[in-house]
């Protein structure tokens, strides 16, 4: 039988409750959305460039430009390969939103981790994955990172801090909290970045992962890409929030809104958030306002997009054009220097694409290995009954 509380213990318990009731409440949480680097209207109708306030040096700015052009040109080559039927599966472009992936990833330290979405090729390239690996992966070649077992950027490289994404959007946020818990146990001061789209933020896994990161004060940066569509559904039809950054308030963490087409702003806001998280501040949500100028994949004809909308973004708010204008206006480089960078990138893509195309397809039997841990589960070969 359970021991009954004595009269004295009941009194002391009641006193404790009374003290808790009398204790002044803690500071009320206020929504903390920083709009320092949010999009703004151009002054006097001038074309948009990039933010003037930056800690980046000229050589770093030129390296950023190289990654922007590399991302766009790699994807253009992938489209060409796709139309030649050399790509297995679909091609998922980041046209119009390259600055978000490149700028945010560039702000990280080498030991930090990322888990991108299929449209965050720029972040993967910044983390050190070569274009030849991307081409071979898309073509399901034996020399590709997954040996032909998977497609697009569904692979990873732990040594480079790149955790491959899966198609279940939102699920990688809880995975990254596990990476950070492991790092904490090993006393490693790393930051992890999980990319998510406006549609993926409506999934249960997103909220569970962010809640855990907030409670544990994990150094997790969630880059929420507001690109106006979740596949073909406009953002306004799948979330009631005007700004995705508002969702951070439910978890008591700070958030930022950044111009996702300004690569310098993306770098600066991520650098600030990473420093904050690394010092023990905990999780941060960064909403990048950008626009997806291509469909969900190359097979998507975008008939759901309003007339002339894509053309307007291409003409008035292209991230590469904006950064080129910035570099020229600030005398970071002359046009011939930018042309030299593009030529170098083009040559590298030609070489890497040729290497990937020359790669053989995987042998059927070898492709069965490495899917599971073969020390525990034997390879899954084609059943003999199906070979007849």
Protein backbone atom coordinates (compact mmCIF):
# COMPACT_ATOMS: atom_id res chain seq x y z
CA UNK A 1 0.00 0.00 0.00
CA UNK A 2 1.26 3.46 -0.88
CA UNK A 3 2.30 5.59 2.05
CA UNK A 4 -0.24 8.32 2.82
CA UNK A 5 1.09 11.91 3.11
CA UNK A 6 1.21 13.20 6.68
CA UNK A 7 -0.46 16.39 7.79
CA UNK A 8 2.94 18.07 8.02
CA UNK A 9 3.97 17.04 4.51
CA UNK A 10 0.63 18.24 3.11
CA UNK A 11 1.17 21.64 4.71
CA UNK A 12 4.70 21.95 3.35
CA UNK A 13 3.47 20.94 -0.12
CA UNK A 14 0.72 23.54 0.01
CA UNK A 15 3.27 26.13 1.09
CA UNK A 16 5.49 25.28 -1.86
CA UNK A 17 2.55 25.71 -4.23
CA UNK A 18 1.73 29.05 -2.65
CA UNK A 19 5.33 30.21 -3.11
CA UNK A 20 5.21 29.24 -6.78
CA UNK A 21 1.97 31.17 -7.20
CA UNK A 22 3.46 34.21 -5.49
CA UNK A 23 6.66 34.10 -7.56
CA UNK A 24 6.68 36.83 -10.23
CA UNK A 25 6.33 35.42 -13.75
CA UNK A 26 9.38 35.24 -16.01
CA UNK A 27 9.85 37.68 -18.85
CA UNK A 28 7.11 37.38 -21.45
CA UNK A 29 8.33 35.96 -24.74
CA UNK A 30 8.17 38.47 -27.55
CA UNK A 31 8.29 37.51 -31.21
CA UNK A 32 11.83 38.23 -32.32
CA UNK A 33 11.92 38.59 -36.09
CA UNK A 34 14.90 40.50 -37.42
CA UNK A 35 14.21 42.23 -40.74
CA UNK A 36 17.61 43.90 -41.09
CA UNK A 37 18.38 41.98 -44.28
CA UNK A 38 14.79 41.58 -45.50
CA UNK A 39 13.91 42.46 -49.11
CA UNK A 40 13.34 46.13 -49.86
CA UNK A 41 12.11 48.17 -52.79
CA UNK A 42 14.85 49.64 -55.00
CA UNK A 43 15.42 53.35 -54.52
CA UNK A 44 14.26 55.62 -57.35
CA UNK A 45 13.42 52.65 -59.52
CA UNK A 46 17.06 51.53 -59.81
CA UNK A 47 17.81 47.82 -60.33
CA UNK A 48 18.42 45.80 -57.18
CA UNK A 49 21.97 44.86 -56.24
CA UNK A 50 23.16 43.58 -52.84
CA UNK A 51 23.53 44.91 -49.32
CA UNK A 52 26.42 47.31 -48.69
CA UNK A 53 27.00 46.10 -45.14
CA UNK A 54 29.33 43.10 -45.30
CA UNK A 55 32.45 41.68 -43.69
CA UNK A 56 33.42 39.81 -46.86
CA UNK A 57 36.75 40.59 -48.48
CA UNK A 58 37.10 41.07 -52.27
CA UNK A 59 38.55 37.59 -52.82
CA UNK A 60 35.66 36.06 -50.86
CA UNK A 61 33.13 38.01 -52.90
CA UNK A 62 34.67 36.66 -56.10
CA UNK A 63 34.58 33.15 -54.68
CA UNK A 64 30.88 33.63 -53.96
CA UNK A 65 30.42 34.71 -57.58
CA UNK A 66 32.20 31.57 -58.76
CA UNK A 67 29.84 29.37 -56.71
CA UNK A 68 26.79 31.20 -58.03
CA UNK A 69 27.85 30.75 -61.64
CA UNK A 70 28.96 27.17 -61.00
CA UNK A 71 25.53 26.31 -59.61
CA UNK A 72 23.66 27.83 -62.51
CA UNK A 73 25.91 26.38 -65.22
CA UNK A 74 25.96 22.89 -63.69
CA UNK A 75 22.18 22.90 -63.68
CA UNK A 76 22.05 24.15 -67.28
CA UNK A 77 24.28 21.24 -68.29
CA UNK A 78 22.04 18.84 -66.37
CA UNK A 79 19.05 20.11 -68.36
CA UNK A 80 20.95 19.45 -71.60
CA UNK A 81 21.79 15.93 -70.44
CA UNK A 82 18.17 15.38 -69.42
CA UNK A 83 16.94 16.38 -72.88
CA UNK A 84 19.42 13.93 -74.39
CA UNK A 85 17.88 11.21 -72.15
CA UNK A 86 21.21 10.74 -70.38
CA UNK A 87 19.78 11.62 -66.95
CA UNK A 88 17.95 8.94 -65.00
CA UNK A 89 14.92 10.41 -63.24
CA UNK A 90 14.15 14.12 -62.99
CA UNK A 91 16.13 17.35 -62.83
CA UNK A 92 15.22 19.75 -60.03
CA UNK A 93 16.53 23.25 -60.70
CA UNK A 94 17.17 26.12 -58.32
CA UNK A 95 16.92 28.75 -61.08
CA UNK A 96 16.28 32.11 -59.43
CA UNK A 97 17.09 31.00 -55.88
CA UNK A 98 20.78 30.03 -56.09
CA UNK A 99 21.85 32.86 -53.78
CA UNK A 100 20.03 31.36 -50.80
CA UNK A 101 21.90 28.04 -50.87
CA UNK A 102 25.29 29.51 -51.80
CA UNK A 103 25.23 32.46 -49.40
CA UNK A 104 24.06 30.50 -46.37
CA UNK A 105 26.46 27.58 -46.84
CA UNK A 106 29.41 29.92 -47.44
CA UNK A 107 28.92 31.39 -43.95
CA UNK A 108 29.65 28.05 -42.25
CA UNK A 109 32.89 26.62 -40.93
CA UNK A 110 34.45 23.51 -42.55
CA UNK A 111 33.37 21.25 -39.67
CA UNK A 112 29.73 22.35 -39.76
CA UNK A 113 27.01 20.13 -41.25
CA UNK A 114 24.28 20.74 -43.79
CA UNK A 115 21.32 18.74 -45.05
CA UNK A 116 19.94 20.34 -48.21
CA UNK A 117 16.81 19.93 -50.29
CA UNK A 118 17.01 18.77 -53.92
CA UNK A 119 17.01 22.43 -54.98
CA UNK A 120 20.03 23.38 -52.82
CA UNK A 121 22.77 22.28 -55.19
CA UNK A 122 24.69 25.49 -54.45
CA UNK A 123 25.12 24.52 -50.80
CA UNK A 124 26.40 21.08 -51.82
CA UNK A 125 29.00 22.63 -54.13
CA UNK A 126 30.12 25.05 -51.42
CA UNK A 127 30.67 22.06 -49.09
CA UNK A 128 33.18 20.68 -51.58
CA UNK A 129 31.24 18.20 -53.70
CA UNK A 130 32.59 18.29 -57.26
CA UNK A 131 30.43 18.80 -60.36
CA UNK A 132 31.65 15.45 -61.72
CA UNK A 133 30.03 13.73 -58.75
CA UNK A 134 26.76 15.55 -59.42
CA UNK A 135 26.76 14.59 -63.12
CA UNK A 136 27.61 10.94 -62.42
CA UNK A 137 24.96 10.79 -59.70
CA UNK A 138 22.23 12.19 -61.96
CA UNK A 139 23.18 9.72 -64.69
CA UNK A 140 23.23 6.79 -62.20
CA UNK A 141 26.79 5.91 -63.15
CA UNK A 142 29.03 3.44 -61.32
CA UNK A 143 31.56 6.16 -60.54
CA UNK A 144 28.93 8.36 -58.93
CA UNK A 145 28.81 8.87 -55.14
CA UNK A 146 26.09 6.25 -54.65
CA UNK A 147 27.36 3.90 -57.37
CA UNK A 148 24.14 4.23 -59.34
CA UNK A 149 21.91 3.24 -56.40
CA UNK A 150 20.21 6.62 -56.10
CA UNK A 151 19.76 9.86 -58.03
CA UNK A 152 20.20 13.68 -57.96
CA UNK A 153 21.67 14.79 -54.61
CA UNK A 154 20.35 11.85 -52.60
CA UNK A 155 23.81 10.98 -51.29
CA UNK A 156 26.05 12.28 -48.55
CA UNK A 157 29.63 12.83 -47.52
CA UNK A 158 30.18 12.80 -43.77
CA UNK A 159 33.77 13.93 -44.17
CA UNK A 160 32.59 17.13 -45.84
CA UNK A 161 29.70 17.68 -43.44
CA UNK A 162 27.04 16.87 -46.04
CA UNK A 163 24.11 14.70 -44.93
CA UNK A 164 22.14 13.56 -47.95
CA UNK A 165 18.45 14.50 -48.08
CA UNK A 166 15.51 12.18 -48.47
CA UNK A 167 12.22 12.82 -50.23
CA UNK A 168 10.20 12.98 -47.00
CA UNK A 169 10.43 16.73 -46.47
CA UNK A 170 10.89 17.83 -42.88
CA UNK A 171 12.32 14.52 -41.71
CA UNK A 172 15.92 15.67 -41.94
CA UNK A 173 15.42 18.26 -39.21
CA UNK A 174 15.10 15.60 -36.47
CA UNK A 175 18.10 13.85 -38.06
CA UNK A 176 20.19 17.01 -37.70
CA UNK A 177 19.22 17.30 -34.05
CA UNK A 178 20.72 13.83 -33.63
CA UNK A 179 23.93 15.01 -35.31
CA UNK A 180 24.09 17.92 -32.88
CA UNK A 181 23.35 15.82 -29.80
CA UNK A 182 26.17 13.50 -30.87
CA UNK A 183 28.50 16.45 -31.36
CA UNK A 184 27.59 17.79 -27.92
CA UNK A 185 28.42 14.43 -26.34
CA UNK A 186 31.79 14.53 -28.12
CA UNK A 187 32.30 18.16 -27.05
CA UNK A 188 32.47 19.38 -30.64
CA UNK A 189 31.34 22.94 -31.26
CA UNK A 190 29.65 22.59 -34.62
CA UNK A 191 26.60 24.19 -36.18
CA UNK A 192 24.15 22.30 -38.38
CA UNK A 193 21.97 23.74 -41.13
CA UNK A 194 18.75 22.12 -42.32
CA UNK A 195 17.08 23.52 -45.43
CA UNK A 196 13.30 23.35 -45.74
CA UNK A 197 10.71 24.74 -48.13
CA UNK A 198 7.46 26.51 -47.44
CA UNK A 199 5.55 23.27 -48.07
CA UNK A 200 7.85 21.13 -45.92
CA UNK A 201 7.29 23.47 -42.98
CA UNK A 202 3.71 22.19 -42.79
CA UNK A 203 4.80 18.62 -42.02
CA UNK A 204 4.79 17.11 -38.55
CA UNK A 205 8.46 16.13 -38.61
CA UNK A 206 9.47 19.76 -39.10
CA UNK A 207 7.68 20.84 -35.93
CA UNK A 208 8.86 17.90 -33.86
CA UNK A 209 12.47 18.45 -34.88
CA UNK A 210 12.41 22.20 -34.33
CA UNK A 211 10.72 21.82 -30.96
CA UNK A 212 13.39 19.37 -29.81
CA UNK A 213 16.17 21.65 -31.06
CA UNK A 214 14.65 24.61 -29.25
CA UNK A 215 14.19 22.78 -25.94
CA UNK A 216 17.71 21.35 -26.06
CA UNK A 217 19.18 24.70 -27.20
CA UNK A 218 20.92 22.96 -30.08
CA UNK A 219 22.95 25.05 -32.56
CA UNK A 220 20.58 24.28 -35.43
CA UNK A 221 19.91 26.80 -38.19
CA UNK A 222 16.76 26.13 -40.21
CA UNK A 223 16.83 27.86 -43.60
CA UNK A 224 13.21 28.22 -44.70
CA UNK A 225 13.04 28.93 -48.42
CA UNK A 226 9.92 30.92 -49.28
CA UNK A 227 9.92 30.33 -53.03
CA UNK A 228 6.14 30.81 -53.45
CA UNK A 229 5.21 27.21 -54.32
CA UNK A 230 4.97 23.80 -52.66
CA UNK A 231 5.12 21.77 -55.86
CA UNK A 232 2.16 23.51 -57.57
CA UNK A 233 0.39 24.85 -54.48
CA UNK A 234 0.90 28.55 -53.73
CA UNK A 235 2.28 29.18 -50.25
CA UNK A 236 -0.82 31.18 -49.30
CA UNK A 237 -2.97 28.06 -49.76
CA UNK A 238 -0.95 25.78 -47.47
CA UNK A 239 -0.03 28.01 -44.51
CA UNK A 240 -1.88 30.87 -42.84
CA UNK A 241 1.32 32.69 -41.83
CA UNK A 242 2.21 35.74 -43.86
CA UNK A 243 5.89 35.14 -43.07
CA UNK A 244 7.36 31.71 -42.37
CA UNK A 245 9.55 33.37 -39.72
CA UNK A 246 6.45 33.78 -37.54
CA UNK A 247 6.51 30.05 -36.83
CA UNK A 248 9.65 30.43 -34.71
CA UNK A 249 7.65 32.21 -31.99
CA UNK A 250 5.87 28.98 -31.07
CA UNK A 251 9.20 27.50 -30.02
CA UNK A 252 10.70 30.53 -28.28
CA UNK A 253 13.56 30.95 -30.75
CA UNK A 254 14.67 34.00 -32.75
CA UNK A 255 14.10 34.31 -36.48
CA UNK A 256 15.28 36.40 -39.39
CA UNK A 257 13.81 37.39 -42.73
CA UNK A 258 16.43 37.75 -45.45
CA UNK A 259 16.34 38.68 -49.11
CA UNK A 260 17.02 35.24 -50.54
CA UNK A 261 18.15 36.70 -53.88
CA UNK A 262 20.87 38.80 -52.23
CA UNK A 263 23.82 36.44 -51.77
CA UNK A 264 25.66 38.90 -49.51
CA UNK A 265 22.65 39.32 -47.22
CA UNK A 266 22.23 35.52 -47.06
CA UNK A 267 25.86 35.20 -45.99
CA UNK A 268 25.66 37.93 -43.35
CA UNK A 269 22.44 36.78 -41.70
CA UNK A 270 23.67 33.16 -41.57
CA UNK A 271 27.05 34.19 -40.17
CA UNK A 272 25.30 36.17 -37.43
CA UNK A 273 22.94 33.27 -36.64
CA UNK A 274 25.76 30.70 -36.67
CA UNK A 275 27.82 32.78 -34.23
CA UNK A 276 24.79 33.11 -31.97
CA UNK A 277 24.06 29.37 -32.08
CA UNK A 278 27.71 28.41 -31.56
CA UNK A 279 27.88 30.57 -28.42
CA UNK A 280 25.08 28.55 -26.87
CA UNK A 281 22.10 30.64 -27.95
CA UNK A 282 20.32 27.68 -29.50
CA UNK A 283 18.27 27.20 -32.65
CA UNK A 284 17.50 29.95 -35.16
CA UNK A 285 15.00 30.10 -38.03
CA UNK A 286 15.99 32.06 -41.15
CA UNK A 287 13.34 32.72 -43.77
CA UNK A 288 14.75 33.47 -47.22
CA UNK A 289 12.35 35.30 -49.52
CA UNK A 290 13.07 34.06 -53.03
CA UNK A 291 11.28 32.72 -56.11
CA UNK A 292 11.35 29.40 -57.97
CA UNK A 293 11.50 30.25 -61.68
CA UNK A 294 11.27 26.63 -62.80
CA UNK A 295 8.68 24.01 -61.99
CA UNK A 296 9.03 21.34 -59.37
CA UNK A 297 11.17 19.50 -61.92
CA UNK A 298 11.85 19.72 -65.65
CA UNK A 299 8.67 17.78 -66.44
CA UNK A 300 6.52 20.44 -64.70
CA UNK A 301 5.08 22.88 -67.27
CA UNK A 302 4.11 25.49 -64.60
CA UNK A 303 0.64 26.08 -66.00
CA UNK A 304 -0.42 27.05 -62.46
CA UNK A 305 1.80 30.20 -62.49
CA UNK A 306 0.24 33.59 -63.24
CA UNK A 307 1.06 35.02 -66.70
CA UNK A 308 4.29 37.05 -66.91
CA UNK A 309 5.20 36.33 -63.26
CA UNK A 310 8.28 34.27 -64.08
CA UNK A 311 9.44 36.79 -66.67
CA UNK A 312 9.13 39.62 -64.12
CA UNK A 313 11.38 37.84 -61.61
CA UNK A 314 13.90 36.99 -64.33
CA UNK A 315 14.13 40.61 -65.44
CA UNK A 316 13.94 42.41 -62.11
CA UNK A 317 15.24 40.07 -59.39
CA UNK A 318 17.74 37.54 -60.69
CA UNK A 319 20.33 36.72 -57.97
CA UNK A 320 23.25 36.34 -60.38
CA UNK A 321 22.49 39.58 -62.22
CA UNK A 322 22.16 41.43 -58.92
CA UNK A 323 25.50 40.20 -57.65
CA UNK A 324 27.28 40.98 -60.91
CA UNK A 325 25.93 44.53 -60.75
CA UNK A 326 27.10 44.79 -57.14
CA UNK A 327 30.64 43.61 -57.93
CA UNK A 328 30.97 46.07 -60.79
CA UNK A 329 29.48 49.02 -58.89
CA UNK A 330 31.72 48.42 -55.85
CA UNK A 331 34.81 48.02 -58.07
CA UNK A 332 35.43 44.57 -56.64
CA UNK A 333 36.20 43.42 -60.18
CA UNK A 334 36.01 44.53 -63.79
CA UNK A 335 33.89 42.74 -66.36
CA UNK A 336 36.92 40.95 -67.82
CA UNK A 337 37.64 39.39 -64.42
CA UNK A 338 34.07 38.12 -64.13
CA UNK A 339 34.30 36.74 -67.67
CA UNK A 340 37.53 34.98 -66.71
CA UNK A 341 35.80 33.29 -63.76
CA UNK A 342 32.94 32.15 -65.99
CA UNK A 343 35.39 30.73 -68.54
CA UNK A 344 37.23 28.80 -65.83
CA UNK A 345 33.96 27.41 -64.47
CA UNK A 346 32.81 26.44 -67.98
CA UNK A 347 36.06 24.55 -68.68
CA UNK A 348 35.79 22.67 -65.37
CA UNK A 349 32.19 21.68 -66.14
CA UNK A 350 33.18 20.43 -69.61
CA UNK A 351 35.91 18.23 -68.13
CA UNK A 352 33.76 16.92 -65.30
CA UNK A 353 30.81 16.18 -67.57
CA UNK A 354 33.03 14.27 -70.00
CA UNK A 355 34.43 12.26 -67.09
CA UNK A 356 30.95 11.42 -65.83
CA UNK A 357 29.65 10.44 -69.27
CA UNK A 358 32.61 8.09 -69.72
CA UNK A 359 31.77 6.34 -66.45
CA UNK A 360 30.21 2.89 -66.89
CA UNK A 361 26.81 1.91 -65.59
CA UNK A 362 26.90 -0.22 -62.43
CA UNK A 363 26.91 -4.00 -62.75
CA UNK A 364 23.59 -5.43 -61.64
CA UNK A 365 25.03 -7.76 -59.00
CA UNK A 366 27.31 -5.10 -57.50
CA UNK A 367 24.43 -2.63 -57.29
CA UNK A 368 22.71 -5.00 -54.85
CA UNK A 369 25.50 -4.50 -52.32
CA UNK A 370 25.73 -1.50 -50.02
CA UNK A 371 22.00 -0.87 -49.87
CA UNK A 372 21.84 -2.41 -46.42
CA UNK A 373 24.60 -3.33 -43.97
CA UNK A 374 25.64 -6.57 -45.66
CA UNK A 375 27.32 -7.83 -42.50
CA UNK A 376 23.78 -8.15 -41.14
CA UNK A 377 21.48 -8.36 -44.18
CA UNK A 378 22.49 -10.25 -47.33
CA UNK A 379 22.31 -8.44 -50.69
CA UNK A 380 18.87 -8.34 -52.30
CA UNK A 381 19.30 -10.16 -55.61
CA UNK A 382 16.57 -10.66 -58.18
CA UNK A 383 14.54 -13.74 -57.16
CA UNK A 384 15.22 -16.69 -59.51
CA UNK A 385 11.48 -17.06 -60.27
CA UNK A 386 11.52 -13.62 -61.94
CA UNK A 387 14.51 -14.47 -64.12
CA UNK A 388 12.51 -16.98 -66.17
